[in-house]
N, C-alpha and C. Protein backbone atom coordinates (compact mmCIF):
# COMPACT_ATOMS: atom_id res chain seq x y z
N MET A 1 204.65 192.29 37.96
CA MET A 1 205.98 191.81 37.68
C MET A 1 206.98 192.96 37.87
N ASP A 2 207.99 192.72 38.67
CA ASP A 2 209.03 193.72 38.90
C ASP A 2 209.96 193.77 37.70
N ARG A 3 210.30 194.98 37.33
CA ARG A 3 211.25 195.16 36.23
C ARG A 3 212.66 195.22 36.80
N PRO A 4 213.60 194.57 36.14
CA PRO A 4 214.98 194.66 36.62
C PRO A 4 215.52 196.06 36.44
N THR A 5 216.42 196.45 37.32
CA THR A 5 217.06 197.75 37.22
C THR A 5 217.99 197.74 36.02
N PRO A 6 217.86 198.73 35.13
CA PRO A 6 218.75 198.75 33.97
C PRO A 6 220.19 198.99 34.40
N PRO A 7 221.15 198.47 33.65
CA PRO A 7 222.56 198.69 34.01
C PRO A 7 222.94 200.15 33.83
N ASP A 8 223.94 200.57 34.58
CA ASP A 8 224.46 201.93 34.46
C ASP A 8 225.24 202.02 33.15
N ARG A 9 224.74 202.85 32.23
CA ARG A 9 225.39 202.97 30.92
C ARG A 9 226.69 203.74 30.99
N TYR A 10 226.94 204.43 32.09
CA TYR A 10 228.10 205.31 32.17
C TYR A 10 229.20 204.70 33.04
N VAL A 11 229.49 203.43 32.83
CA VAL A 11 230.48 202.76 33.66
C VAL A 11 231.90 203.27 33.44
N SER A 12 232.15 203.90 32.29
CA SER A 12 233.50 204.41 32.05
C SER A 12 233.81 205.62 32.92
N PHE A 13 232.80 206.16 33.59
CA PHE A 13 233.00 207.31 34.46
C PHE A 13 232.97 206.90 35.93
N LYS A 14 233.46 205.70 36.20
CA LYS A 14 233.45 205.17 37.55
C LYS A 14 234.14 206.14 38.51
N GLY A 15 233.46 206.42 39.61
CA GLY A 15 234.00 207.33 40.61
C GLY A 15 233.61 208.77 40.40
N ILE A 16 232.97 209.10 39.27
CA ILE A 16 232.51 210.45 39.00
C ILE A 16 230.99 210.42 39.08
N ASP A 17 230.42 211.32 39.83
CA ASP A 17 228.97 211.36 39.99
C ASP A 17 228.34 212.14 38.84
N CYS A 18 228.36 211.54 37.66
CA CYS A 18 227.82 212.22 36.47
C CYS A 18 226.33 212.51 36.63
N ASP A 19 225.58 211.57 37.17
CA ASP A 19 224.15 211.80 37.35
C ASP A 19 223.90 212.93 38.34
N GLY A 20 224.66 212.96 39.43
CA GLY A 20 224.52 214.03 40.41
C GLY A 20 224.90 215.39 39.83
N ASN A 21 225.98 215.41 39.06
CA ASN A 21 226.40 216.65 38.42
C ASN A 21 225.34 217.12 37.42
N ALA A 22 224.76 216.17 36.69
CA ALA A 22 223.71 216.52 35.72
C ALA A 22 222.49 217.10 36.45
N ARG A 23 222.11 216.50 37.57
CA ARG A 23 220.96 217.02 38.34
C ARG A 23 221.22 218.45 38.81
N GLN A 24 222.44 218.76 39.22
CA GLN A 24 222.76 220.11 39.66
C GLN A 24 222.63 221.11 38.50
N ILE A 25 223.09 220.72 37.33
CA ILE A 25 223.00 221.61 36.18
C ILE A 25 221.55 221.76 35.74
N ILE A 26 220.79 220.68 35.79
CA ILE A 26 219.37 220.77 35.44
C ILE A 26 218.66 221.73 36.39
N ALA A 27 218.95 221.65 37.66
CA ALA A 27 218.35 222.58 38.63
C ALA A 27 218.73 224.01 38.30
N ARG A 28 219.99 224.23 37.94
CA ARG A 28 220.46 225.58 37.60
C ARG A 28 219.80 226.04 36.30
N LEU A 29 219.67 225.14 35.35
CA LEU A 29 219.01 225.46 34.09
C LEU A 29 217.58 225.93 34.34
N TYR A 30 216.88 225.24 35.23
CA TYR A 30 215.49 225.64 35.55
C TYR A 30 215.43 227.05 36.13
N THR A 31 216.46 227.50 36.85
CA THR A 31 216.42 228.86 37.39
C THR A 31 216.34 229.89 36.27
N HIS A 32 216.84 229.52 35.11
CA HIS A 32 216.78 230.42 33.96
C HIS A 32 215.49 230.21 33.17
N ILE A 33 215.20 228.97 32.78
CA ILE A 33 214.07 228.74 31.88
C ILE A 33 212.72 228.83 32.58
N ASP A 34 212.71 228.84 33.91
CA ASP A 34 211.45 229.08 34.64
C ASP A 34 211.05 230.56 34.59
N ASP A 35 211.99 231.41 34.22
CA ASP A 35 211.73 232.84 34.08
C ASP A 35 211.15 233.09 32.69
N PRO A 36 209.89 233.55 32.60
CA PRO A 36 209.28 233.77 31.28
C PRO A 36 210.09 234.68 30.37
N ALA A 37 210.88 235.57 30.93
CA ALA A 37 211.69 236.47 30.11
C ALA A 37 212.91 235.77 29.50
N LYS A 38 213.27 234.60 30.01
CA LYS A 38 214.47 233.90 29.54
C LYS A 38 214.16 232.64 28.73
N THR A 39 212.91 232.25 28.65
CA THR A 39 212.58 231.00 27.97
C THR A 39 212.11 231.28 26.55
N ASN A 40 212.00 230.22 25.79
CA ASN A 40 211.48 230.30 24.42
C ASN A 40 210.96 228.91 24.04
N ALA A 41 210.55 228.73 22.79
CA ALA A 41 209.98 227.45 22.37
C ALA A 41 210.97 226.29 22.54
N PHE A 42 212.25 226.55 22.27
CA PHE A 42 213.26 225.50 22.43
C PHE A 42 213.30 225.02 23.88
N TRP A 43 213.37 225.95 24.82
CA TRP A 43 213.49 225.59 26.23
C TRP A 43 212.20 224.96 26.75
N GLU A 44 211.07 225.36 26.21
CA GLU A 44 209.81 224.74 26.62
C GLU A 44 209.77 223.28 26.16
N ARG A 45 210.26 223.00 24.96
CA ARG A 45 210.34 221.61 24.48
C ARG A 45 211.38 220.84 25.29
N PHE A 46 212.49 221.48 25.61
CA PHE A 46 213.52 220.84 26.43
C PHE A 46 212.96 220.48 27.80
N ARG A 47 212.14 221.36 28.35
CA ARG A 47 211.50 221.12 29.64
C ARG A 47 210.63 219.85 29.56
N GLU A 48 209.92 219.67 28.45
CA GLU A 48 209.09 218.47 28.27
C GLU A 48 209.95 217.21 28.26
N LYS A 49 211.09 217.29 27.61
CA LYS A 49 212.00 216.14 27.58
C LYS A 49 212.56 215.83 28.97
N LEU A 50 212.89 216.88 29.71
CA LEU A 50 213.40 216.69 31.07
C LEU A 50 212.34 216.07 31.98
N ALA A 51 211.07 216.40 31.73
CA ALA A 51 209.99 215.90 32.57
C ALA A 51 209.88 214.38 32.52
N VAL A 52 210.27 213.77 31.41
CA VAL A 52 210.20 212.31 31.30
C VAL A 52 211.57 211.64 31.40
N ALA A 53 212.61 212.43 31.59
CA ALA A 53 213.97 211.90 31.61
C ALA A 53 214.21 210.91 32.75
N ASP A 54 213.48 211.03 33.84
CA ASP A 54 213.67 210.13 34.97
C ASP A 54 212.84 208.85 34.87
N ASP A 55 211.99 208.76 33.87
CA ASP A 55 211.12 207.60 33.69
C ASP A 55 211.69 206.69 32.61
N PRO A 56 212.32 205.58 32.99
CA PRO A 56 212.97 204.73 31.98
C PRO A 56 211.99 204.14 30.97
N LEU A 57 210.71 204.10 31.28
CA LEU A 57 209.73 203.55 30.34
C LEU A 57 209.24 204.59 29.34
N ALA A 58 209.29 205.85 29.70
CA ALA A 58 208.76 206.91 28.84
C ALA A 58 209.83 207.72 28.14
N ARG A 59 211.02 207.72 28.67
CA ARG A 59 212.05 208.63 28.15
C ARG A 59 212.67 208.16 26.85
N GLN A 60 213.17 209.12 26.12
CA GLN A 60 214.00 208.84 24.96
C GLN A 60 215.47 209.04 25.34
N ALA A 61 215.70 209.86 26.37
CA ALA A 61 217.05 210.12 26.86
C ALA A 61 216.97 210.50 28.32
N ASP A 62 218.01 210.14 29.08
CA ASP A 62 218.03 210.57 30.48
C ASP A 62 218.61 211.98 30.56
N GLY A 63 218.62 212.54 31.78
CA GLY A 63 219.06 213.92 31.96
C GLY A 63 220.48 214.16 31.49
N LEU A 64 221.38 213.25 31.79
CA LEU A 64 222.77 213.41 31.38
C LEU A 64 222.88 213.42 29.86
N CYS A 65 222.19 212.52 29.20
CA CYS A 65 222.22 212.48 27.74
C CYS A 65 221.66 213.77 27.15
N LEU A 66 220.56 214.26 27.71
CA LEU A 66 219.98 215.51 27.22
C LEU A 66 220.95 216.68 27.37
N LEU A 67 221.63 216.74 28.51
CA LEU A 67 222.60 217.82 28.72
C LEU A 67 223.75 217.72 27.73
N CYS A 68 224.32 216.53 27.60
CA CYS A 68 225.47 216.35 26.72
C CYS A 68 225.10 216.62 25.26
N SER A 69 223.87 216.29 24.88
CA SER A 69 223.42 216.50 23.51
C SER A 69 223.12 217.96 23.20
N ASN A 70 222.94 218.75 24.23
CA ASN A 70 222.56 220.15 24.03
C ASN A 70 223.51 221.10 24.74
N ILE A 71 224.73 220.67 24.94
CA ILE A 71 225.69 221.42 25.75
C ILE A 71 225.92 222.84 25.23
N TYR A 72 225.94 223.01 23.92
CA TYR A 72 226.23 224.34 23.36
C TYR A 72 225.06 225.29 23.56
N TYR A 73 223.84 224.78 23.47
CA TYR A 73 222.66 225.63 23.73
C TYR A 73 222.61 226.06 25.19
N ILE A 74 222.94 225.12 26.07
CA ILE A 74 222.93 225.43 27.50
C ILE A 74 224.03 226.44 27.81
N ALA A 75 225.21 226.25 27.23
CA ALA A 75 226.31 227.20 27.42
C ALA A 75 225.90 228.58 26.93
N ASP A 76 225.24 228.64 25.79
CA ASP A 76 224.77 229.94 25.27
C ASP A 76 223.81 230.61 26.24
N LEU A 77 222.90 229.83 26.80
CA LEU A 77 221.93 230.38 27.77
C LEU A 77 222.67 230.92 28.99
N PHE A 78 223.59 230.13 29.54
CA PHE A 78 224.35 230.57 30.71
C PHE A 78 225.17 231.82 30.39
N GLU A 79 225.80 231.83 29.22
CA GLU A 79 226.60 233.00 28.82
C GLU A 79 225.72 234.24 28.68
N GLU A 80 224.59 234.07 28.03
CA GLU A 80 223.67 235.18 27.80
C GLU A 80 223.23 235.84 29.10
N HIS A 81 223.12 235.05 30.16
CA HIS A 81 222.64 235.57 31.43
C HIS A 81 223.73 235.70 32.48
N GLY A 82 224.99 235.65 32.04
CA GLY A 82 226.12 235.89 32.94
C GLY A 82 226.27 234.88 34.05
N ASP A 83 225.88 233.65 33.80
CA ASP A 83 225.95 232.61 34.83
C ASP A 83 227.29 231.89 34.76
N GLU A 84 228.30 232.51 35.36
CA GLU A 84 229.65 231.95 35.34
C GLU A 84 229.74 230.62 36.08
N ASP A 85 229.04 230.51 37.20
CA ASP A 85 229.05 229.24 37.94
C ASP A 85 228.42 228.12 37.10
N GLY A 86 227.32 228.44 36.44
CA GLY A 86 226.68 227.45 35.57
C GLY A 86 227.60 227.02 34.44
N LEU A 87 228.32 227.97 33.86
CA LEU A 87 229.27 227.65 32.79
C LEU A 87 230.39 226.74 33.31
N ALA A 88 230.88 227.01 34.50
CA ALA A 88 231.94 226.18 35.08
C ALA A 88 231.43 224.77 35.34
N MET A 89 230.23 224.67 35.88
CA MET A 89 229.64 223.34 36.12
C MET A 89 229.46 222.58 34.82
N LEU A 90 228.99 223.28 33.80
CA LEU A 90 228.75 222.67 32.50
C LEU A 90 230.06 222.21 31.86
N SER A 91 231.10 223.03 31.98
CA SER A 91 232.40 222.67 31.43
C SER A 91 232.94 221.41 32.10
N ARG A 92 232.78 221.35 33.41
CA ARG A 92 233.24 220.16 34.15
C ARG A 92 232.47 218.93 33.70
N LEU A 93 231.14 219.07 33.55
CA LEU A 93 230.32 217.94 33.10
C LEU A 93 230.78 217.48 31.72
N GLU A 94 231.01 218.43 30.83
CA GLU A 94 231.44 218.08 29.47
C GLU A 94 232.78 217.34 29.50
N ASP A 95 233.72 217.83 30.29
CA ASP A 95 235.04 217.20 30.36
C ASP A 95 235.00 215.83 31.00
N GLU A 96 234.19 215.67 32.03
CA GLU A 96 234.22 214.44 32.80
C GLU A 96 233.19 213.39 32.37
N CYS A 97 232.09 213.83 31.78
CA CYS A 97 230.96 212.90 31.62
C CYS A 97 230.38 212.79 30.21
N CYS A 98 230.66 213.73 29.35
CA CYS A 98 230.02 213.70 28.02
C CYS A 98 230.92 213.06 26.97
């Protein structure tokens, strides 16, 4: 039996690619947390949540929701490692999509 596609929960952001922006930030986030010197137990658990974020049957939250719910932790990580581009991307996501 085919499952129907769930509706887009972010309809108020019509015309803004919130999912695409979230994917870019997630990719940038991985550049930091994939480095054993920059990760910790929090980021390892966050990685587990991201691993199921694309599976609507297994996830508790999608990637955008995870980012918006943890925006301050992500900002701290980017600040700690001098990632100005990451901070700018995150600020834009927060303003436009969270």
